[in-house]
Structures are given as C-alpha cells and as structure tokens.
C-alpha cells in the first residue's frame, strides 16, 4: 500500500511567520526611509562627508551577513549532529540551512557591492580581505550544495557533505574577524556596534532589521526543511514502487516458467 505524502510545506506556524515577516518589512521600510536620517558629518575644514542615503543599505546588508553566518553555522552544527546520530533529519537540516545561508551570503555580497560604489568609489576590491574571504565562504557552500546533487547513496552523499561543511565553517570565523586581524588590508571599518558609533534611531532600526531577518530565516527554514522531507518521502516511494514492479515481474516470470514445464 502506498503512503500518502502531503503536497504542501505550509502550516499554521509558517503562515504566522509569513505574516509577521511581511508586517516587519513594512515597518522596517518606514523606519529606514522616514525616521533614520542620512549619514553626514562635518569635518574640521567644514566639508560635509558621510555615507548619506547609502547608509540605508545597512538595514539589509548587515542582517544578511548575520543570517548567512547563521545558516552556515547551523549547517555545521547539524553536520556534527549527523556524525553523532546518523539520522536523515540532521542531514536534511544541514542541507536546508546551507541553501538559506547561500541566499543570504549572495545578498550580502550584492548589497555590499552596491553600497561600496558611492562610498568607496568601487564595486569590488580584490585586495580587501573581508570581501575575498566572504566570497570564498559563499563559494565553499555553493560547492557543498553542488556535491549534494551528485548521484550517490544517501549515506555516502551525507558524509561527503559533512566534510565540506566542517571545512567551510572555519571560514565563518575568518570572515567575521578579518577586519580585526587584517585591519590594514580592508576597506571595511570595525564594528560600529561595539564601538557605539551609531545614532539611537539607526541602532533601533538596525536591531529591528535583525529581528525581522530572524523571523524570515525561520520561515524559510521551515519551508525548506519540509520540502527536503517531502523529497525524501517521494524518493522512498519511487524506490518502493520500483521494488514492487521488480517483484511482480519476477513473479510473472516464475509463473510463465512453471506453465511451460511439461
């Protein structure tokens, strides 16, 4: 008897998270464009400098970077858990979080490049350690996803993926600490949060953007994990159906052979 597989990844929890995400984005846009002032300061010579309106990209760029770290970090932890318990649940969790991490990692690179053009007068700087290490981090996990698409036994594919996840996780620390370890080889400033060089309204909006981002991350993770589960169930059903067909063919062949005997 075939098992019925639900054809949706939605639930009451995901619908609530979805509506919260939409409402949060609406509030975030209002805060970013109507409440937070442009970034300007006056030098001793009387010149007005700063990021101006480009500072508003911070409310997408910075949370995206944090969520990329979160996705890749969760992939690392789920991979360790898979090594311990060898269950498909942890393997699917690692896969789902890696995909989301790549999405936010790419968004981090894109928004950073857009922000860098008016601020640094360049779209990209290969000599910047933070930029290059962030690119390498994303590419490693793109490779992780590519390896998962190579046809192989489920357990073999999971073990291969674990190796890449463990190697890729090391780069998370390198990217995060690069502005401190190689401060003379990066255009990035050190954290304005820890240095407390940020206005109150900007700080509040940035904190709010973190909260909205985490809700979005949870919504994406639930959907992607459930999709992975459905894919595994469908794959198992296909295997079971193929086995049933082979058994039926074998049984029919035996019946034909017995009828042909004198």
Protein backbone atom coordinates (compact mmCIF):
# COMPACT_ATOMS: atom_id res chain seq x y z
CA UNK A 1 0.00 0.00 0.00
CA UNK A 2 1.42 3.41 -0.98
CA UNK A 3 1.85 6.07 1.66
CA UNK A 4 0.11 9.39 1.01
CA UNK A 5 2.55 12.31 1.12
CA UNK A 6 1.22 15.78 1.91
CA UNK A 7 1.67 18.14 -1.06
CA UNK A 8 2.39 21.30 0.91
CA UNK A 9 5.09 22.73 3.16
CA UNK A 10 2.73 25.24 4.73
CA UNK A 11 1.32 25.10 8.24
CA UNK A 12 -0.26 27.44 10.75
CA UNK A 13 3.18 28.25 12.14
CA UNK A 14 4.63 29.17 8.73
CA UNK A 15 1.60 31.30 7.91
CA UNK A 16 2.02 33.23 11.15
CA UNK A 17 5.73 33.69 10.47
CA UNK A 18 4.97 34.78 6.92
CA UNK A 19 2.54 37.49 8.01
CA UNK A 20 4.93 38.64 10.72
CA UNK A 21 7.70 38.91 8.12
CA UNK A 22 5.55 40.99 5.76
CA UNK A 23 4.43 43.30 8.56
CA UNK A 24 8.01 43.60 9.81
CA UNK A 25 9.31 44.54 6.37
CA UNK A 26 6.63 47.21 6.01
CA UNK A 27 7.62 48.75 9.35
CA UNK A 28 11.32 48.44 8.51
CA UNK A 29 10.91 50.32 5.23
CA UNK A 30 9.06 53.09 7.04
CA UNK A 31 11.74 53.34 9.71
CA UNK A 32 14.63 53.22 7.24
CA UNK A 33 13.31 55.90 4.89
CA UNK A 34 11.13 58.11 7.10
CA UNK A 35 12.80 58.06 10.52
CA UNK A 36 16.50 57.35 10.14
CA UNK A 37 18.41 60.45 8.93
CA UNK A 38 21.07 60.26 6.25
CA UNK A 39 24.61 59.72 7.47
CA UNK A 40 26.53 63.01 7.42
CA UNK A 41 29.22 64.70 9.46
CA UNK A 42 31.15 67.93 9.14
CA UNK A 43 34.96 67.84 9.05
CA UNK A 44 37.22 70.42 10.69
CA UNK A 45 37.56 72.04 7.27
CA UNK A 46 33.80 72.46 7.04
CA UNK A 47 33.26 69.75 4.44
CA UNK A 48 30.15 67.56 4.72
CA UNK A 49 31.09 63.88 4.40
CA UNK A 50 29.48 60.54 5.20
CA UNK A 51 27.52 57.70 3.64
CA UNK A 52 24.48 59.91 3.03
CA UNK A 53 21.46 57.85 1.87
CA UNK A 54 23.64 54.80 1.16
CA UNK A 55 23.58 54.12 4.90
CA UNK A 56 20.05 52.73 4.50
CA UNK A 57 21.51 49.68 2.74
CA UNK A 58 22.93 48.74 6.13
CA UNK A 59 19.48 47.54 7.21
CA UNK A 60 19.66 44.83 4.52
CA UNK A 61 23.41 44.25 4.24
CA UNK A 62 24.26 43.72 7.92
CA UNK A 63 21.31 41.40 8.75
CA UNK A 64 22.01 39.43 5.56
CA UNK A 65 25.59 38.85 6.72
CA UNK A 66 24.41 37.72 10.16
CA UNK A 67 21.83 35.38 8.62
CA UNK A 68 24.46 33.94 6.26
CA UNK A 69 26.60 33.18 9.32
CA UNK A 70 23.53 31.67 10.98
CA UNK A 71 22.72 29.44 8.01
CA UNK A 72 26.28 28.18 7.60
CA UNK A 73 26.73 27.81 11.34
CA UNK A 74 23.55 25.75 11.58
CA UNK A 75 24.81 23.59 8.71
CA UNK A 76 27.99 23.00 10.71
CA UNK A 77 26.08 22.04 13.87
CA UNK A 78 23.63 19.82 12.01
CA UNK A 79 26.56 18.10 10.29
CA UNK A 80 28.17 17.37 13.66
CA UNK A 81 24.83 16.01 14.88
CA UNK A 82 24.64 13.79 11.79
CA UNK A 83 28.06 12.37 12.59
CA UNK A 84 26.81 11.57 16.09
CA UNK A 85 23.36 10.13 15.34
CA UNK A 86 23.45 9.30 11.60
CA UNK A 87 19.82 10.29 11.04
CA UNK A 88 18.31 11.76 7.86
CA UNK A 89 16.68 14.50 9.97
CA UNK A 90 20.03 16.16 10.70
CA UNK A 91 21.22 15.69 7.14
CA UNK A 92 18.11 17.43 5.80
CA UNK A 93 18.53 20.23 8.35
CA UNK A 94 22.13 20.78 7.23
CA UNK A 95 21.04 20.88 3.58
CA UNK A 96 18.16 23.29 4.20
CA UNK A 97 20.19 25.74 6.27
CA UNK A 98 23.06 25.68 3.75
CA UNK A 99 20.73 26.74 0.94
CA UNK A 100 19.35 29.62 3.01
CA UNK A 101 22.87 30.61 4.04
CA UNK A 102 23.93 30.81 0.39
CA UNK A 103 20.93 33.01 -0.44
CA UNK A 104 21.80 35.47 2.31
CA UNK A 105 25.50 35.22 1.53
CA UNK A 106 24.90 36.26 -2.08
CA UNK A 107 22.60 39.05 -0.89
CA UNK A 108 25.38 40.24 1.42
CA UNK A 109 27.87 40.41 -1.45
CA UNK A 110 25.43 42.17 -3.78
CA UNK A 111 24.27 44.81 -1.29
CA UNK A 112 27.85 45.35 -0.14
CA UNK A 113 28.93 45.97 -3.73
CA UNK A 114 26.08 48.43 -4.29
CA UNK A 115 26.96 50.22 -1.05
CA UNK A 116 30.66 50.30 -1.93
CA UNK A 117 30.21 52.11 -5.23
CA UNK A 118 29.16 55.51 -3.79
CA UNK A 119 31.09 55.05 -0.53
CA UNK A 120 34.43 53.63 -1.74
CA UNK A 121 34.07 54.60 -5.44
CA UNK A 122 34.43 50.95 -6.44
CA UNK A 123 32.10 47.98 -6.88
CA UNK A 124 34.72 45.49 -5.73
CA UNK A 125 38.24 45.49 -4.30
CA UNK A 126 40.20 42.25 -4.61
CA UNK A 127 42.71 43.45 -2.07
CA UNK A 128 40.04 43.68 0.63
CA UNK A 129 40.36 40.67 2.94
CA UNK A 130 36.75 40.85 4.17
CA UNK A 131 35.36 40.83 0.62
CA UNK A 132 37.54 37.98 -0.61
CA UNK A 133 37.03 35.76 2.44
CA UNK A 134 33.26 36.34 2.30
CA UNK A 135 33.25 35.34 -1.37
CA UNK A 136 35.26 32.20 -0.57
CA UNK A 137 32.83 31.34 2.24
CA UNK A 138 29.85 31.55 -0.11
CA UNK A 139 31.61 29.58 -2.85
CA UNK A 140 32.52 26.79 -0.42
CA UNK A 141 28.87 26.31 0.48
CA UNK A 142 27.83 26.57 -3.17
CA UNK A 143 30.23 23.67 -3.63
CA UNK A 144 28.54 21.95 -0.69
CA UNK A 145 25.19 22.19 -2.48
CA UNK A 146 26.76 21.00 -5.74
CA UNK A 147 28.18 17.91 -4.03
CA UNK A 148 24.73 17.11 -2.67
CA UNK A 149 23.42 16.93 -6.25
CA UNK A 150 25.95 14.29 -7.31
CA UNK A 151 24.11 10.95 -7.64
CA UNK A 152 25.13 8.72 -4.74
CA UNK A 153 23.77 6.66 -1.89
CA UNK A 154 22.12 8.85 0.76
CA UNK A 155 24.66 7.97 3.45
CA UNK A 156 27.63 8.49 1.11
CA UNK A 157 26.30 11.87 -0.02
CA UNK A 158 25.73 12.93 3.58
CA UNK A 159 29.28 12.01 4.60
CA UNK A 160 30.78 13.93 1.69
CA UNK A 161 28.68 16.95 2.58
CA UNK A 162 29.77 16.82 6.22
CA UNK A 163 33.43 17.16 5.23
CA UNK A 164 32.75 20.30 3.19
CA UNK A 165 30.54 21.77 5.93
CA UNK A 166 33.24 21.30 8.56
CA UNK A 167 35.87 22.93 6.33
CA UNK A 168 33.54 25.77 5.34
CA UNK A 169 32.65 26.55 8.95
CA UNK A 170 36.25 27.54 9.65
CA UNK A 171 35.89 30.39 7.18
CA UNK A 172 32.94 31.84 9.11
CA UNK A 173 35.31 32.86 11.91
CA UNK A 174 37.88 34.16 9.43
CA UNK A 175 35.32 36.38 7.68
CA UNK A 176 33.90 37.70 10.92
CA UNK A 177 37.29 38.56 12.45
CA UNK A 178 39.06 39.66 9.27
CA UNK A 179 38.63 43.40 9.95
CA UNK A 180 40.41 42.96 13.29
CA UNK A 181 43.12 40.53 12.16
CA UNK A 182 43.95 42.36 8.91
CA UNK A 183 42.78 45.91 9.63
CA UNK A 184 45.36 47.34 7.21
CA UNK A 185 44.15 45.17 4.35
CA UNK A 186 40.47 46.01 4.29
CA UNK A 187 38.27 48.97 3.43
CA UNK A 188 35.73 47.84 5.99
CA UNK A 189 35.56 49.67 9.26
CA UNK A 190 35.47 47.77 12.53
CA UNK A 191 32.10 47.13 14.12
CA UNK A 192 30.22 50.36 14.76
CA UNK A 193 28.01 48.50 17.23
CA UNK A 194 30.81 47.51 19.58
CA UNK A 195 32.39 50.94 19.17
CA UNK A 196 29.00 52.56 19.86
CA UNK A 197 29.38 54.93 16.90
CA UNK A 198 25.80 54.74 15.77
CA UNK A 199 22.80 57.01 16.34
CA UNK A 200 19.94 55.87 18.54
CA UNK A 201 17.34 55.77 15.75
CA UNK A 202 19.78 53.96 13.47
CA UNK A 203 20.62 51.48 16.22
CA UNK A 204 16.94 50.78 16.88
CA UNK A 205 16.19 50.27 13.19
CA UNK A 206 19.20 48.01 12.75
CA UNK A 207 18.13 45.93 15.76
CA UNK A 208 14.63 45.75 14.32
CA UNK A 209 16.03 44.59 10.98
CA UNK A 210 17.82 41.76 12.82
CA UNK A 211 14.52 40.67 14.37
CA UNK A 212 12.70 40.74 11.02
CA UNK A 213 15.54 38.83 9.42
CA UNK A 214 15.43 36.08 12.02
CA UNK A 215 11.67 35.64 11.53
CA UNK A 216 12.26 35.41 7.77
CA UNK A 217 15.04 32.90 8.35
CA UNK A 218 12.76 30.72 10.49
CA UNK A 219 10.02 30.89 7.82
CA UNK A 220 12.43 29.88 5.05
CA UNK A 221 14.00 27.11 7.14
CA UNK A 222 10.66 25.51 7.98
CA UNK A 223 9.56 25.51 4.35
CA UNK A 224 12.90 24.26 3.01
CA UNK A 225 13.20 21.51 5.62
CA UNK A 226 9.69 20.28 4.90
CA UNK A 227 10.44 20.35 1.18
CA UNK A 228 13.52 18.22 1.80
CA UNK A 229 11.40 15.81 3.85
CA UNK A 230 8.80 15.56 1.07
CA UNK A 231 11.55 14.93 -1.47
CA UNK A 232 12.93 12.11 0.67
CA UNK A 233 9.46 10.59 1.05
CA UNK A 234 8.82 10.77 -2.69
CA UNK A 235 12.22 9.22 -3.37
CA UNK A 236 11.41 6.39 -0.96
CA UNK A 237 8.02 5.87 -2.62
CA UNK A 238 9.69 5.65 -6.01
CA UNK A 239 12.13 3.07 -4.66
CA UNK A 240 9.30 1.06 -3.11
CA UNK A 241 7.28 1.18 -6.34
CA UNK A 242 10.30 0.08 -8.35
CA UNK A 243 10.84 -2.85 -5.98
CA UNK A 244 7.18 -3.84 -6.24
CA UNK A 245 7.39 -3.76 -10.03
CA UNK A 246 10.51 -5.93 -10.00
CA UNK A 247 8.87 -8.39 -7.62
CA UNK A 248 5.78 -8.50 -9.86
CA UNK A 249 7.95 -9.08 -12.92
CA UNK A 250 9.89 -11.82 -11.16
CA UNK A 251 6.66 -13.47 -10.00
CA UNK A 252 5.21 -13.30 -13.52
CA UNK A 253 8.39 -14.81 -14.97
CA UNK A 254 8.28 -17.67 -12.47
CA UNK A 255 4.62 -18.29 -13.33
CA UNK A 256 5.40 -18.38 -17.06
CA UNK A 257 8.27 -20.79 -16.50
CA UNK A 258 6.11 -23.11 -14.40
CA UNK A 259 3.41 -23.16 -17.10
CA UNK A 260 5.94 -24.03 -19.80
CA UNK A 261 7.17 -27.08 -17.89
CA UNK A 262 5.68 -30.43 -19.07
